C-alpha cells in the first residue's frame, strides 16, 4: 500500500512538473480542455511579459499589465497613489 501511494505521488508530481524541451528550456503542459488551456496560455503570456519587462527595468509596462491606474510598491522605496507622483 505504501509503495502504491509513493508511486501515485511520483506520477502526479511528474505530470505537474514542466517538461524539458530539446533546447533545455522548460515547456509548460497545458490542459487538454481548450477552454482551460486558453486561460492557462493567457496567464502564462502575462507572466512571461512581466519577466521580460522586469528584466528590462520597464516599470511602466509592468504596471500596464495589471490595471490602468496601478502603481508600483517596491520594498524600501516610497509608495505613491498615482503614476504622476
Protein backbone atom coordinates (compact mmCIF):
# COMPACT_ATOMS: atom_id res chain seq x y z
CA UNK A 1 0.00 0.00 0.00
CA UNK A 2 2.77 2.44 0.94
CA UNK A 3 4.56 1.74 -2.35
CA UNK A 4 1.37 2.39 -4.29
CA UNK A 5 0.95 5.78 -2.59
CA UNK A 6 4.57 6.71 -3.32
CA UNK A 7 4.20 5.70 -6.98
CA UNK A 8 0.94 7.63 -7.26
CA UNK A 9 2.54 10.76 -5.78
CA UNK A 10 5.51 10.41 -8.13
CA UNK A 11 3.17 10.07 -11.12
CA UNK A 12 1.18 13.14 -10.09
CA UNK A 13 4.32 15.18 -9.47
CA UNK A 14 5.69 14.13 -12.84
CA UNK A 15 2.56 15.31 -14.62
CA UNK A 16 2.71 18.71 -12.89
CA UNK A 17 6.40 19.43 -13.36
CA UNK A 18 7.31 21.23 -16.57
CA UNK A 19 8.92 19.06 -19.22
CA UNK A 20 12.32 19.93 -20.64
CA UNK A 21 12.40 20.94 -24.28
CA UNK A 22 15.23 19.92 -26.57
CA UNK A 23 16.72 23.41 -26.19
CA UNK A 24 16.94 22.96 -22.43
CA UNK A 25 14.16 25.44 -21.67
CA UNK A 26 11.15 24.34 -19.66
CA UNK A 27 7.91 23.87 -21.58
CA UNK A 28 4.53 24.12 -19.92
CA UNK A 29 1.99 21.31 -20.12
CA UNK A 30 -1.39 22.94 -20.69
CA UNK A 31 -4.77 21.33 -20.09
CA UNK A 32 -6.34 19.17 -22.79
CA UNK A 33 -9.57 21.15 -22.28
CA UNK A 34 -9.43 24.00 -24.85
CA UNK A 35 -11.25 26.48 -22.59
CA UNK A 36 -8.90 25.86 -19.67
CA UNK A 37 -5.83 25.73 -21.92
CA UNK A 38 -6.75 29.14 -23.34
CA UNK A 39 -6.88 30.68 -19.87
CA UNK A 40 -3.63 28.94 -18.90
CA UNK A 41 -1.89 30.26 -22.03
CA UNK A 42 -3.17 33.78 -21.36
CA UNK A 43 -1.89 33.67 -17.77
CA UNK A 44 1.46 32.30 -18.94
CA UNK A 45 1.73 35.10 -21.52
CA UNK A 46 1.23 37.75 -18.81
CA UNK A 47 3.83 36.13 -16.54
CA UNK A 48 6.28 35.91 -19.46
CA UNK A 49 5.70 39.58 -20.35
CA UNK A 50 6.18 40.53 -16.70
CA UNK A 51 9.50 38.67 -16.66
CA UNK A 52 10.68 40.46 -19.82
CA UNK A 53 9.64 43.89 -18.53
CA UNK A 54 11.19 43.24 -15.13
CA UNK A 55 14.49 42.24 -16.73
CA UNK A 56 14.34 45.42 -18.81
CA UNK A 57 13.52 47.54 -15.72
CA UNK A 58 10.40 48.80 -17.54
CA UNK A 59 8.09 49.70 -14.64
CA UNK A 60 5.52 51.47 -16.84
CA UNK A 61 4.88 48.34 -18.90
CA UNK A 62 4.74 46.18 -15.77
CA UNK A 63 2.03 48.47 -14.39
CA UNK A 64 0.11 48.33 -17.68
CA UNK A 65 -0.09 44.54 -17.39
CA UNK A 66 -2.28 44.75 -14.30
CA UNK A 67 -4.57 47.82 -14.35
CA UNK A 68 -4.72 51.24 -16.00
CA UNK A 69 -4.47 53.05 -12.65
CA UNK A 70 -1.97 50.70 -10.97
CA UNK A 71 1.07 51.97 -9.11
CA UNK A 72 4.30 50.25 -8.10
CA UNK A 73 5.03 49.44 -4.48
CA UNK A 74 8.67 48.38 -4.05
CA UNK A 75 10.46 47.42 -0.86
CA UNK A 76 12.45 50.26 0.71
CA UNK A 77 11.09 52.79 -1.82
CA UNK A 78 8.41 55.48 -1.48
CA UNK A 79 4.86 54.42 -2.42
CA UNK A 80 2.67 56.79 -4.41
CA UNK A 81 -1.07 56.93 -5.02
CA UNK A 82 -0.79 57.83 -8.74
CA UNK A 83 1.70 57.27 -11.54
CA UNK A 84 2.24 61.04 -11.87
CA UNK A 85 3.71 61.22 -8.39
